[in-house]
Amino acid sequence: MLNQLFKSIIDSDRAPIVVCDMDSVVVYMNPASIARYHVDLTGKNIQLCHNAESNAKIEKVLSWFAKSKENNVVYTSRNNKENKDVYMVALRDADGKLIGYYEKHEYRNRETRGLYEM
């Protein structure tokens, strides 16, 4: 039941979320990420989609995540055209062991819907 709740949270997020294991293999993409990238990369290594410079940055962040349980979020890019920031976020098990990471997009646009508009 809890896994279904967590999946529902990720699936309902309007921002792309790509979840990877420690080998940078995509284990899950929410519907918003598939729509954004126009491909489902589940089961594929995310580094195949990046250039050497980006892959080096991914490895650097993973090394930093591994250094401390306190190292959990890295701001990776700003997209002014879309008014968003992008982060890499560590995923840890109950003991704090690093088990993967995800990419999170945070849009900074003001909400256009009214409060409690349904």
PDB file of N, CA and C in Angstrom:
ATOM      1  N   MET A   1       0.823  -1.203   0.000  1.00  0.00           N
ATOM      2  CA  MET A   1       0.000   0.000   0.000  1.00  0.00           C
ATOM      3  C   MET A   1       0.865   1.263   0.000  1.00  0.00           C
ATOM      4  N   LEU A   2       1.902   1.271   0.857  1.00  0.00           N
ATOM      5  CA  LEU A   2       2.758   2.453   0.940  1.00  0.00           C
ATOM      6  C   LEU A   2       3.460   2.732  -0.381  1.00  0.00           C
ATOM      7  N   ASN A   3       3.935   1.672  -1.053  1.00  0.00           N
ATOM      8  CA  ASN A   3       4.582   1.864  -2.358  1.00  0.00           C
ATOM      9  C   ASN A   3       3.627   2.480  -3.364  1.00  0.00           C
ATOM     10  N   GLN A   4       2.352   2.069  -3.323  1.00  0.00           N
ATOM     11  CA  GLN A   4       1.363   2.645  -4.230  1.00  0.00           C
ATOM     12  C   GLN A   4       1.165   4.128  -3.937  1.00  0.00           C
ATOM     13  N   LEU A   5       1.186   4.500  -2.667  1.00  0.00           N
ATOM     14  CA  LEU A   5       1.029   5.903  -2.298  1.00  0.00           C
ATOM     15  C   LEU A   5       2.208   6.734  -2.809  1.00  0.00           C
ATOM     16  N   PHE A   6       3.432   6.221  -2.611  1.00  0.00           N
ATOM     17  CA  PHE A   6       4.605   6.955  -3.080  1.00  0.00           C
ATOM     18  C   PHE A   6       4.601   7.081  -4.602  1.00  0.00           C
ATOM     19  N   LYS A   7       4.249   6.000  -5.300  1.00  0.00           N
ATOM     20  CA  LYS A   7       4.178   6.047  -6.760  1.00  0.00           C
ATOM     21  C   LYS A   7       3.129   7.062  -7.208  1.00  0.00           C
ATOM     22  N   SER A   8       2.013   7.095  -6.511  1.00  0.00           N
ATOM     23  CA  SER A   8       0.959   8.048  -6.847  1.00  0.00           C
ATOM     24  C   SER A   8       1.433   9.491  -6.678  1.00  0.00           C
ATOM     25  N   ILE A   9       2.209   9.761  -5.642  1.00  0.00           N
ATOM     26  CA  ILE A   9       2.759  11.103  -5.424  1.00  0.00           C
ATOM     27  C   ILE A   9       3.653  11.497  -6.598  1.00  0.00           C
ATOM     28  N   ILE A  10       4.556  10.612  -6.966  1.00  0.00           N
ATOM     29  CA  ILE A  10       5.485  10.900  -8.060  1.00  0.00           C
ATOM     30  C   ILE A  10       4.738  11.052  -9.381  1.00  0.00           C
ATOM     31  N   ASP A  11       3.779  10.165  -9.624  1.00  0.00           N
ATOM     32  CA  ASP A  11       3.041  10.205 -10.889  1.00  0.00           C
ATOM     33  C   ASP A  11       2.179  11.456 -11.023  1.00  0.00           C
ATOM     34  N   SER A  12       1.698  11.988  -9.912  1.00  0.00           N
ATOM     35  CA  SER A  12       0.830  13.163  -9.993  1.00  0.00           C
ATOM     36  C   SER A  12       1.614  14.473 -10.047  1.00  0.00           C
ATOM     37  N   ASP A  13       2.910  14.427  -9.818  1.00  0.00           N
ATOM     38  CA  ASP A  13       3.732  15.641  -9.890  1.00  0.00           C
ATOM     39  C   ASP A  13       3.752  16.135 -11.335  1.00  0.00           C
ATOM     40  N   ARG A  14       3.525  17.416 -11.526  1.00  0.00           N
ATOM     41  CA  ARG A  14       3.532  17.989 -12.881  1.00  0.00           C
ATOM     42  C   ARG A  14       4.937  18.202 -13.413  1.00  0.00           C
ATOM     43  N   ALA A  15       5.931  18.117 -12.550  1.00  0.00           N
ATOM     44  CA  ALA A  15       7.324  18.299 -12.962  1.00  0.00           C
ATOM     45  C   ALA A  15       7.958  16.941 -13.267  1.00  0.00           C
ATOM     46  N   PRO A  16       8.900  16.912 -14.216  1.00  0.00           N
ATOM     47  CA  PRO A  16       9.588  15.655 -14.524  1.00  0.00           C
ATOM     48  C   PRO A  16      10.395  15.142 -13.331  1.00  0.00           C
ATOM     49  N   ILE A  17      10.309  13.840 -13.089  1.00  0.00           N
ATOM     50  CA  ILE A  17      11.110  13.168 -12.064  1.00  0.00           C
ATOM     51  C   ILE A  17      11.671  11.904 -12.692  1.00  0.00           C
ATOM     52  N   VAL A  18      13.002  11.783 -12.695  1.00  0.00           N
ATOM     53  CA  VAL A  18      13.686  10.608 -13.231  1.00  0.00           C
ATOM     54  C   VAL A  18      14.482   9.990 -12.084  1.00  0.00           C
ATOM     55  N   VAL A  19      14.170   8.733 -11.740  1.00  0.00           N
ATOM     56  CA  VAL A  19      14.797   8.037 -10.618  1.00  0.00           C
ATOM     57  C   VAL A  19      15.817   7.049 -11.158  1.00  0.00           C
ATOM     58  N   CYS A  20      17.050   7.113 -10.607  1.00  0.00           N
ATOM     59  CA  CYS A  20      18.137   6.229 -11.046  1.00  0.00           C
ATOM     60  C   CYS A  20      18.720   5.470  -9.862  1.00  0.00           C
ATOM     61  N   ASP A  21      19.260   4.272 -10.150  1.00  0.00           N
ATOM     62  CA  ASP A  21      19.966   3.527  -9.118  1.00  0.00           C
ATOM     63  C   ASP A  21      21.428   3.983  -9.088  1.00  0.00           C
ATOM     64  N   MET A  22      22.243   3.323  -8.297  1.00  0.00           N
ATOM     65  CA  MET A  22      23.641   3.734  -8.141  1.00  0.00           C
ATOM     66  C   MET A  22      24.485   3.511  -9.394  1.00  0.00           C
ATOM     67  N   ASP A  23      23.994   2.723 -10.323  1.00  0.00           N
ATOM     68  CA  ASP A  23      24.701   2.515 -11.589  1.00  0.00           C
ATOM     69  C   ASP A  23      24.186   3.460 -12.670  1.00  0.00           C
ATOM     70  N   SER A  24      23.374   4.447 -12.266  1.00  0.00           N
ATOM     71  CA  SER A  24      22.767   5.426 -13.172  1.00  0.00           C
ATOM     72  C   SER A  24      21.792   4.802 -14.161  1.00  0.00           C
ATOM     73  N   VAL A  25      21.238   3.643 -13.805  1.00  0.00           N
ATOM     74  CA  VAL A  25      20.193   3.025 -14.608  1.00  0.00           C
ATOM     75  C   VAL A  25      18.855   3.617 -14.157  1.00  0.00           C
ATOM     76  N   VAL A  26      18.061   4.046 -15.119  1.00  0.00           N
ATOM     77  CA  VAL A  26      16.751   4.632 -14.812  1.00  0.00           C
ATOM     78  C   VAL A  26      15.830   3.519 -14.322  1.00  0.00           C
ATOM     79  N   VAL A  27      15.337   3.686 -13.100  1.00  0.00           N
ATOM     80  CA  VAL A  27      14.405   2.700 -12.557  1.00  0.00           C
ATOM     81  C   VAL A  27      12.965   3.185 -12.651  1.00  0.00           C
ATOM     82  N   TYR A  28      12.778   4.494 -12.816  1.00  0.00           N
ATOM     83  CA  TYR A  28      11.417   5.006 -12.972  1.00  0.00           C
ATOM     84  C   TYR A  28      11.432   6.417 -13.549  1.00  0.00           C
ATOM     85  N   MET A  29      10.492   6.673 -14.433  1.00  0.00           N
ATOM     86  CA  MET A  29      10.235   8.017 -14.944  1.00  0.00           C
ATOM     87  C   MET A  29       8.754   8.293 -14.737  1.00  0.00           C
ATOM     88  N   ASN A  30       8.417   9.430 -14.149  1.00  0.00           N
ATOM     89  CA  ASN A  30       7.001   9.749 -14.001  1.00  0.00           C
ATOM     90  C   ASN A  30       6.443  10.204 -15.357  1.00  0.00           C
ATOM     91  N   PRO A  31       5.122  10.237 -15.507  1.00  0.00           N
ATOM     92  CA  PRO A  31       4.533  10.623 -16.794  1.00  0.00           C
ATOM     93  C   PRO A  31       5.014  11.994 -17.299  1.00  0.00           C
ATOM     94  N   ALA A  32       5.234  12.938 -16.397  1.00  0.00           N
ATOM     95  CA  ALA A  32       5.707  14.265 -16.825  1.00  0.00           C
ATOM     96  C   ALA A  32       7.095  14.184 -17.453  1.00  0.00           C
ATOM     97  N   SER A  33       7.964  13.312 -16.946  1.00  0.00           N
ATOM     98  CA  SER A  33       9.312  13.198 -17.529  1.00  0.00           C
ATOM     99  C   SER A  33       9.261  12.508 -18.892  1.00  0.00           C
ATOM    100  N   ILE A  34       8.410  11.512 -19.039  1.00  0.00           N
ATOM    101  CA  ILE A  34       8.283  10.849 -20.344  1.00  0.00           C
ATOM    102  C   ILE A  34       7.737  11.830 -21.380  1.00  0.00           C
ATOM    103  N   ALA A  35       6.773  12.645 -20.975  1.00  0.00           N
ATOM    104  CA  ALA A  35       6.223  13.653 -21.890  1.00  0.00           C
ATOM    105  C   ALA A  35       7.280  14.688 -22.270  1.00  0.00           C
ATOM    106  N   ARG A  36       8.106  15.089 -21.311  1.00  0.00           N
ATOM    107  CA  ARG A  36       9.132  16.103 -21.575  1.00  0.00           C
ATOM    108  C   ARG A  36      10.215  15.589 -22.512  1.00  0.00           C
ATOM    109  N   TYR A  37      10.709  14.376 -22.241  1.00  0.00           N
ATOM    110  CA  TYR A  37      11.830  13.841 -23.007  1.00  0.00           C
ATOM    111  C   TYR A  37      11.388  13.020 -24.219  1.00  0.00           C
ATOM    112  N   HIS A  38      10.100  12.758 -24.342  1.00  0.00           N
ATOM    113  CA  HIS A  38       9.533  12.027 -25.477  1.00  0.00           C
ATOM    114  C   HIS A  38      10.080  10.612 -25.613  1.00  0.00           C
ATOM    115  N   VAL A  39      10.500  10.027 -24.487  1.00  0.00           N
ATOM    116  CA  VAL A  39      11.015   8.659 -24.505  1.00  0.00           C
ATOM    117  C   VAL A  39      10.989   8.112 -23.077  1.00  0.00           C
ATOM    118  N   ASP A  40      10.742   6.822 -22.962  1.00  0.00           N
ATOM    119  CA  ASP A  40      10.820   6.154 -21.667  1.00  0.00           C
ATOM    120  C   ASP A  40      12.187   5.478 -21.588  1.00  0.00           C
ATOM    121  N   LEU A  41      13.027   5.956 -20.703  1.00  0.00           N
ATOM    122  CA  LEU A  41      14.395   5.444 -20.570  1.00  0.00           C
ATOM    123  C   LEU A  41      14.527   4.393 -19.474  1.00  0.00           C
ATOM    124  N   THR A  42      13.422   3.923 -18.946  1.00  0.00           N
ATOM    125  CA  THR A  42      13.454   2.922 -17.880  1.00  0.00           C
ATOM    126  C   THR A  42      14.281   1.716 -18.333  1.00  0.00           C
ATOM    127  N   GLY A  43      15.235   1.327 -17.469  1.00  0.00           N
ATOM    128  CA  GLY A  43      16.116   0.202 -17.770  1.00  0.00           C
ATOM    129  C   GLY A  43      17.383   0.580 -18.516  1.00  0.00           C
ATOM    130  N   LYS A  44      17.481   1.839 -18.910  1.00  0.00           N
ATOM    131  CA  LYS A  44      18.667   2.300 -19.653  1.00  0.00           C
ATOM    132  C   LYS A  44      19.546   3.169 -18.745  1.00  0.00           C
ATOM    133  N   ASN A  45      20.820   3.211 -19.053  1.00  0.00           N
ATOM    134  CA  ASN A  45      21.745   4.043 -18.290  1.00  0.00           C
ATOM    135  C   ASN A  45      21.571   5.502 -18.711  1.00  0.00           C
ATOM    136  N   ILE A  46      21.305   6.354 -17.737  1.00  0.00           N
ATOM    137  CA  ILE A  46      21.060   7.777 -18.007  1.00  0.00           C
ATOM    138  C   ILE A  46      22.286   8.436 -18.624  1.00  0.00           C
ATOM    139  N   GLN A  47      23.461   7.896 -18.364  1.00  0.00           N
ATOM    140  CA  GLN A  47      24.678   8.505 -18.885  1.00  0.00           C
ATOM    141  C   GLN A  47      24.790   8.358 -20.399  1.00  0.00           C
ATOM    142  N   LEU A  48      24.041   7.451 -20.993  1.00  0.00           N
ATOM    143  CA  LEU A  48      24.029   7.327 -22.453  1.00  0.00           C
ATOM    144  C   LEU A  48      23.346   8.516 -23.107  1.00  0.00           C
ATOM    145  N   CYS A  49      22.579   9.259 -22.323  1.00  0.00           N
ATOM    146  CA  CYS A  49      21.852  10.423 -22.840  1.00  0.00           C
ATOM    147  C   CYS A  49      22.608  11.731 -22.626  1.00  0.00           C
ATOM    148  N   HIS A  50      23.765  11.657 -21.985  1.00  0.00           N
ATOM    149  CA  HIS A  50      24.528  12.857 -21.647  1.00  0.00           C
ATOM    150  C   HIS A  50      25.904  12.825 -22.300  1.00  0.00           C
ATOM    151  N   ASN A  51      26.483  14.009 -22.418  1.00  0.00           N
ATOM    152  CA  ASN A  51      27.849  14.089 -22.947  1.00  0.00           C
ATOM    153  C   ASN A  51      28.854  13.816 -21.824  1.00  0.00           C
ATOM    154  N   ALA A  52      30.113  13.749 -22.175  1.00  0.00           N
ATOM    155  CA  ALA A  52      31.165  13.404 -21.213  1.00  0.00           C
ATOM    156  C   ALA A  52      31.224  14.396 -20.052  1.00  0.00           C
ATOM    157  N   GLU A  53      31.055  15.681 -20.336  1.00  0.00           N
ATOM    158  CA  GLU A  53      31.098  16.692 -19.277  1.00  0.00           C
ATOM    159  C   GLU A  53      29.953  16.485 -18.281  1.00  0.00           C
ATOM    160  N   SER A  54      28.760  16.245 -18.775  1.00  0.00           N
ATOM    161  CA  SER A  54      27.613  16.004 -17.898  1.00  0.00           C
ATOM    162  C   SER A  54      27.797  14.731 -17.079  1.00  0.00           C
ATOM    163  N   ASN A  55      28.320  13.689 -17.709  1.00  0.00           N
ATOM    164  CA  ASN A  55      28.553  12.437 -16.991  1.00  0.00           C
ATOM    165  C   ASN A  55      29.577  12.612 -15.883  1.00  0.00           C
ATOM    166  N   ALA A  56      30.601  13.413 -16.131  1.00  0.00           N
ATOM    167  CA  ALA A  56      31.599  13.693 -15.089  1.00  0.00           C
ATOM    168  C   ALA A  56      30.945  14.421 -13.911  1.00  0.00           C
ATOM    169  N   LYS A  57      30.019  15.330 -14.208  1.00  0.00           N
ATOM    170  CA  LYS A  57      29.307  16.036 -13.145  1.00  0.00           C
ATOM    171  C   LYS A  57      28.423  15.085 -12.346  1.00  0.00           C
ATOM    172  N   ILE A  58      27.759  14.164 -13.023  1.00  0.00           N
ATOM    173  CA  ILE A  58      26.936  13.176 -12.326  1.00  0.00           C
ATOM    174  C   ILE A  58      27.805  12.362 -11.374  1.00  0.00           C
ATOM    175  N   GLU A  59      28.936  11.899 -11.859  1.00  0.00           N
ATOM    176  CA  GLU A  59      29.845  11.111 -11.014  1.00  0.00           C
ATOM    177  C   GLU A  59      30.353  11.929  -9.824  1.00  0.00           C
ATOM    178  N   LYS A  60      30.652  13.199 -10.050  1.00  0.00           N
ATOM    179  CA  LYS A  60      31.117  14.073  -8.972  1.00  0.00           C
ATOM    180  C   LYS A  60      30.035  14.232  -7.895  1.00  0.00           C
ATOM    181  N   VAL A  61      28.806  14.416  -8.329  1.00  0.00           N
ATOM    182  CA  VAL A  61      27.703  14.553  -7.371  1.00  0.00           C
ATOM    183  C   VAL A  61      27.510  13.248  -6.596  1.00  0.00           C
ATOM    184  N   LEU A  62      27.535  12.115  -7.289  1.00  0.00           N
ATOM    185  CA  LEU A  62      27.376  10.835  -6.599  1.00  0.00           C
ATOM    186  C   LEU A  62      28.475  10.618  -5.559  1.00  0.00           C
ATOM    187  N   SER A  63      29.694  11.012  -5.875  1.00  0.00           N
ATOM    188  CA  SER A  63      30.792  10.913  -4.908  1.00  0.00           C
ATOM    189  C   SER A  63      30.528  11.790  -3.694  1.00  0.00           C
ATOM    190  N   TRP A  64      30.023  12.983  -3.923  1.00  0.00           N
ATOM    191  CA  TRP A  64      29.707  13.902  -2.830  1.00  0.00           C
ATOM    192  C   TRP A  64      28.575  13.344  -1.968  1.00  0.00           C
ATOM    193  N   PHE A  65      27.523  12.800  -2.626  1.00  0.00           N
ATOM    194  CA  PHE A  65      26.433  12.174  -1.880  1.00  0.00           C
ATOM    195  C   PHE A  65      26.977  11.076  -0.963  1.00  0.00           C
ATOM    196  N   ALA A  66      27.918  10.278  -1.475  1.00  0.00           N
ATOM    197  CA  ALA A  66      28.443   9.128  -0.739  1.00  0.00           C
ATOM    198  C   ALA A  66      29.301   9.530   0.460  1.00  0.00           C
ATOM    199  N   LYS A  67      29.831  10.743   0.461  1.00  0.00           N
ATOM    200  CA  LYS A  67      30.720  11.187   1.540  1.00  0.00           C
ATOM    201  C   LYS A  67      30.019  11.378   2.874  1.00  0.00           C
ATOM    202  N   SER A  68      28.742  11.723   2.850  1.00  0.00           N
ATOM    203  CA  SER A  68      28.038  12.010   4.092  1.00  0.00           C
ATOM    204  C   SER A  68      26.532  11.835   3.921  1.00  0.00           C
ATOM    205  N   LYS A  69      25.887  11.346   4.967  1.00  0.00           N
ATOM    206  CA  LYS A  69      24.425  11.228   4.968  1.00  0.00           C
ATOM    207  C   LYS A  69      23.765  12.600   4.888  1.00  0.00           C
ATOM    208  N   GLU A  70      24.528  13.641   5.184  1.00  0.00           N
ATOM    209  CA  GLU A  70      24.015  15.009   5.155  1.00  0.00           C
ATOM    210  C   GLU A  70      24.040  15.618   3.752  1.00  0.00           C
ATOM    211  N   ASN A  71      24.776  15.004   2.838  1.00  0.00           N
ATOM    212  CA  ASN A  71      24.902  15.516   1.466  1.00  0.00           C
ATOM    213  C   ASN A  71      23.782  14.917   0.620  1.00  0.00           C
ATOM    214  N   ASN A  72      22.732  15.710   0.387  1.00  0.00           N
ATOM    215  CA  ASN A  72      21.541  15.141  -0.230  1.00  0.00           C
ATOM    216  C   ASN A  72      20.957  15.897  -1.414  1.00  0.00           C
ATOM    217  N   VAL A  73      21.296  17.145  -1.613  1.00  0.00           N
ATOM    218  CA  VAL A  73      20.694  17.908  -2.707  1.00  0.00           C
ATOM    219  C   VAL A  73      21.755  18.785  -3.359  1.00  0.00           C
ATOM    220  N   VAL A  74      21.797  18.742  -4.704  1.00  0.00           N
ATOM    221  CA  VAL A  74      22.719  19.590  -5.465  1.00  0.00           C
ATOM    222  C   VAL A  74      21.922  20.323  -6.536  1.00  0.00           C
ATOM    223  N   TYR A  75      22.075  21.630  -6.561  1.00  0.00           N
ATOM    224  CA  TYR A  75      21.472  22.476  -7.593  1.00  0.00           C
ATOM    225  C   TYR A  75      22.312  22.302  -8.847  1.00  0.00           C
ATOM    226  N   THR A  76      21.697  21.805  -9.942  1.00  0.00           N
ATOM    227  CA  THR A  76      22.486  21.464 -11.125  1.00  0.00           C
ATOM    228  C   THR A  76      22.314  22.403 -12.306  1.00  0.00           C
ATOM    229  N   SER A  77      21.152  23.046 -12.403  1.00  0.00           N
ATOM    230  CA  SER A  77      20.995  23.957 -13.540  1.00  0.00           C
ATOM    231  C   SER A  77      19.799  24.879 -13.371  1.00  0.00           C
ATOM    232  N   ARG A  78      19.857  25.951 -14.144  1.00  0.00           N
ATOM    233  CA  ARG A  78      18.772  26.939 -14.198  1.00  0.00           C
ATOM    234  C   ARG A  78      18.348  27.057 -15.649  1.00  0.00           C
ATOM    235  N   ASN A  79      17.056  27.052 -15.892  1.00  0.00           N
ATOM    236  CA  ASN A  79      16.518  27.238 -17.237  1.00  0.00           C
ATOM    237  C   ASN A  79      15.621  28.468 -17.186  1.00  0.00           C
ATOM    238  N   ASN A  80      16.170  29.614 -17.607  1.00  0.00           N
ATOM    239  CA  ASN A  80      15.410  30.859 -17.556  1.00  0.00           C
ATOM    240  C   ASN A  80      14.206  30.851 -18.486  1.00  0.00           C
ATOM    241  N   LYS A  81      14.340  30.209 -19.626  1.00  0.00           N
ATOM    242  CA  LYS A  81      13.239  30.159 -20.585  1.00  0.00           C
ATOM    243  C   LYS A  81      12.005  29.496 -19.959  1.00  0.00           C
ATOM    244  N   GLU A  82      12.235  28.439 -19.182  1.00  0.00           N
ATOM    245  CA  GLU A  82      11.131  27.735 -18.539  1.00  0.00           C
ATOM    246  C   GLU A  82      10.939  28.167 -17.084  1.00  0.00           C
ATOM    247  N   ASN A  83      11.756  29.096 -16.611  1.00  0.00           N
ATOM    248  CA  ASN A  83      11.689  29.601 -15.237  1.00  0.00           C
ATOM    249  C   ASN A  83      11.716  28.453 -14.226  1.00  0.00           C
ATOM    250  N   LYS A  84      12.766  27.649 -14.318  1.00  0.00           N
ATOM    251  CA  LYS A  84      12.871  26.508 -13.419  1.00  0.00           C
ATOM    252  C   LYS A  84      14.311  26.261 -12.999  1.00  0.00           C
ATOM    253  N   ASP A  85      14.431  25.596 -11.868  1.00  0.00           N
ATOM    254  CA  ASP A  85      15.704  25.115 -11.362  1.00  0.00           C
ATOM    255  C   ASP A  85      15.655  23.591 -11.380  1.00  0.00           C
ATOM    256  N   VAL A  86      16.828  22.968 -11.557  1.00  0.00           N
ATOM    257  CA  VAL A  86      16.913  21.516 -11.597  1.00  0.00           C
ATOM    258  C   VAL A  86      17.910  21.065 -10.532  1.00  0.00           C
ATOM    259  N   TYR A  87      17.553  19.979  -9.842  1.00  0.00           N
ATOM    260  CA  TYR A  87      18.356  19.455  -8.746  1.00  0.00           C
ATOM    261  C   TYR A  87      18.597  17.971  -8.918  1.00  0.00           C
ATOM    262  N   MET A  88      19.719  17.480  -8.382  1.00  0.00           N
ATOM    263  CA  MET A  88      19.940  16.056  -8.163  1.00  0.00           C
ATOM    264  C   MET A  88      19.736  15.835  -6.673  1.00  0.00           C
ATOM    265  N   VAL A  89      18.955  14.809  -6.333  1.00  0.00           N
ATOM    266  CA  VAL A  89      18.608  14.536  -4.941  1.00  0.00           C
ATOM    267  C   VAL A  89      18.988  13.101  -4.611  1.00  0.00           C
ATOM    268  N   ALA A  90      19.687  12.909  -3.490  1.00  0.00           N
ATOM    269  CA  ALA A  90      20.095  11.574  -3.057  1.00  0.00           C
ATOM    270  C   ALA A  90      18.899  10.780  -2.557  1.00  0.00           C
ATOM    271  N   LEU A  91      18.914   9.490  -2.828  1.00  0.00           N
ATOM    272  CA  LEU A  91      17.936   8.554  -2.265  1.00  0.00           C
ATOM    273  C   LEU A  91      18.691   7.624  -1.327  1.00  0.00           C
ATOM    274  N   ARG A  92      18.176   7.468  -0.123  1.00  0.00           N
ATOM    275  CA  ARG A  92      18.856   6.670   0.900  1.00  0.00           C
ATOM    276  C   ARG A  92      17.894   5.657   1.516  1.00  0.00           C
ATOM    277  N   ASP A  93      18.454   4.526   1.966  1.00  0.00           N
ATOM    278  CA  ASP A  93      17.629   3.550   2.659  1.00  0.00           C
ATOM    279  C   ASP A  93      17.437   3.989   4.113  1.00  0.00           C
ATOM    280  N   ALA A  94      16.767   3.160   4.902  1.00  0.00           N
ATOM    281  CA  ALA A  94      16.447   3.514   6.286  1.00  0.00           C
ATOM    282  C   ALA A  94      17.695   3.742   7.138  1.00  0.00           C
ATOM    283  N   ASP A  95      18.815   3.139   6.743  1.00  0.00           N
ATOM    284  CA  ASP A  95      20.073   3.315   7.483  1.00  0.00           C
ATOM    285  C   ASP A  95      20.910   4.481   6.970  1.00  0.00           C
ATOM    286  N   GLY A  96      20.423   5.163   5.961  1.00  0.00           N
ATOM    287  CA  GLY A  96      21.147   6.297   5.404  1.00  0.00           C
ATOM    288  C   GLY A  96      22.101   5.945   4.286  1.00  0.00           C
ATOM    289  N   LYS A  97      22.132   4.666   3.889  1.00  0.00           N
ATOM    290  CA  LYS A  97      23.014   4.240   2.800  1.00  0.00           C
ATOM    291  C   LYS A  97      22.469   4.780   1.475  1.00  0.00           C
ATOM    292  N   LEU A  98      23.356   5.334   0.668  1.00  0.00           N
ATOM    293  CA  LEU A  98      22.992   5.859  -0.641  1.00  0.00           C
ATOM    294  C   LEU A  98      22.574   4.716  -1.554  1.00  0.00           C
ATOM    295  N   ILE A  99      21.356   4.784  -2.102  1.00  0.00           N
ATOM    296  CA  ILE A  99      20.848   3.711  -2.955  1.00  0.00           C
ATOM    297  C   ILE A  99      20.491   4.195  -4.362  1.00  0.00           C
ATOM    298  N   GLY A 100      20.573   5.501  -4.575  1.00  0.00           N
ATOM    299  CA  GLY A 100      20.257   6.048  -5.889  1.00  0.00           C
ATOM    300  C   GLY A 100      20.089   7.548  -5.820  1.00  0.00           C
ATOM    301  N   TYR A 101      19.487   8.092  -6.855  1.00  0.00           N
ATOM    302  CA  TYR A 101      19.276   9.542  -6.914  1.00  0.00           C
ATOM    303  C   TYR A 101      18.153   9.834  -7.889  1.00  0.00           C
ATOM    304  N   TYR A 102      17.657  11.065  -7.820  1.00  0.00           N
ATOM    305  CA  TYR A 102      16.669  11.473  -8.812  1.00  0.00           C
ATOM    306  C   TYR A 102      16.886  12.915  -9.216  1.00  0.00           C
ATOM    307  N   GLU A 103      16.379  13.229 -10.401  1.00  0.00           N
ATOM    308  CA  GLU A 103      16.417  14.583 -10.931  1.00  0.00           C
ATOM    309  C   GLU A 103      15.059  15.208 -10.681  1.00  0.00           C
ATOM    310  N   LYS A 104      15.064  16.395 -10.101  1.00  0.00           N
ATOM    311  CA  LYS A 104      13.828  17.092  -9.762  1.00  0.00           C
ATOM    312  C   LYS A 104      13.832  18.468 -10.391  1.00  0.00           C
ATOM    313  N   HIS A 105      12.765  18.792 -11.124  1.00  0.00           N
ATOM    314  CA  HIS A 105      12.576  20.107 -11.727  1.00  0.00           C
ATOM    315  C   HIS A 105      11.633  20.901 -10.823  1.00  0.00           C
ATOM    316  N   GLU A 106      12.002  22.127 -10.519  1.00  0.00           N
ATOM    317  CA  GLU A 106      11.132  22.998  -9.729  1.00  0.00           C
ATOM    318  C   GLU A 106      10.873  24.274 -10.512  1.00  0.00           C
ATOM    319  N   TYR A 107       9.624  24.404 -10.924  1.00  0.00           N
ATOM    320  CA  TYR A 107       9.219  25.576 -11.688  1.00  0.00           C
ATOM    321  C   TYR A 107       8.923  26.726 -10.737  1.00  0.00           C
ATOM    322  N   ARG A 108       9.273  27.926 -11.157  1.00  0.00           N
ATOM    323  CA  ARG A 108       9.112  29.106 -10.312  1.00  0.00           C
ATOM    324  C   ARG A 108       7.995  30.025 -10.796  1.00  0.00           C
ATOM    325  N   ASN A 109       7.172  29.522 -11.707  1.00  0.00           N
ATOM    326  CA  ASN A 109       6.063  30.332 -12.217  1.00  0.00           C
ATOM    327  C   ASN A 109       4.964  30.444 -11.165  1.00  0.00           C
ATOM    328  N   ARG A 110       4.384  31.617 -11.080  1.00  0.00           N
ATOM    329  CA  ARG A 110       3.274  31.817 -10.161  1.00  0.00           C
ATOM    330  C   ARG A 110       2.092  30.974 -10.626  1.00  0.00           C
ATOM    331  N   GLU A 111       1.405  30.379  -9.678  1.00  0.00           N
ATOM    332  CA  GLU A 111       0.224  29.568  -9.994  1.00  0.00           C
ATOM    333  C   GLU A 111      -0.853  30.460 -10.590  1.00  0.00           C
ATOM    334  N   THR A 112      -1.488  29.993 -11.651  1.00  0.00           N
ATOM    335  CA  THR A 112      -2.519  30.782 -12.323  1.00  0.00           C
ATOM    336  C   THR A 112      -3.932  30.397 -11.886  1.00  0.00           C
ATOM    337  N   ARG A 113      -4.060  29.247 -11.241  1.00  0.00           N
ATOM    338  CA  ARG A 113      -5.387  28.845 -10.748  1.00  0.00           C
ATOM    339  C   ARG A 113      -5.711  29.595  -9.459  1.00  0.00           C
ATOM    340  N   GLY A 114      -6.978  29.768  -9.197  1.00  0.00           N
ATOM    341  CA  GLY A 114      -7.401  30.395  -7.963  1.00  0.00           C
ATOM    342  C   GLY A 114      -7.246  29.441  -6.790  1.00  0.00           C
ATOM    343  N   LEU A 115      -7.189  29.999  -5.593  1.00  0.00           N
ATOM    344  CA  LEU A 115      -7.102  29.178  -4.392  1.00  0.00           C
ATOM    345  C   LEU A 115      -8.285  28.216  -4.337  1.00  0.00           C
ATOM    346  N   TYR A 116      -7.995  26.987  -4.099  1.00  0.00           N
ATOM    347  CA  TYR A 116      -8.987  25.897  -3.991  1.00  0.00           C
ATOM    348  C   TYR A 116      -9.888  25.792  -5.222  1.00  0.00           C
ATOM    349  N   GLU A 117      -9.410  26.280  -6.355  1.00  0.00           N
ATOM    350  CA  GLU A 117     -10.178  26.148  -7.606  1.00  0.00           C
ATOM    351  C   GLU A 117     -10.186  24.684  -8.010  1.00  0.00           C
ATOM    352  N   MET A 118     -11.352  24.160  -8.276  1.00  0.00           N
ATOM    353  CA  MET A 118     -11.474  22.736  -8.613  1.00  0.00           C
ATOM    354  C   MET A 118     -12.110  22.551  -9.969  1.00  0.00           C
TER     355      MET A 118
END
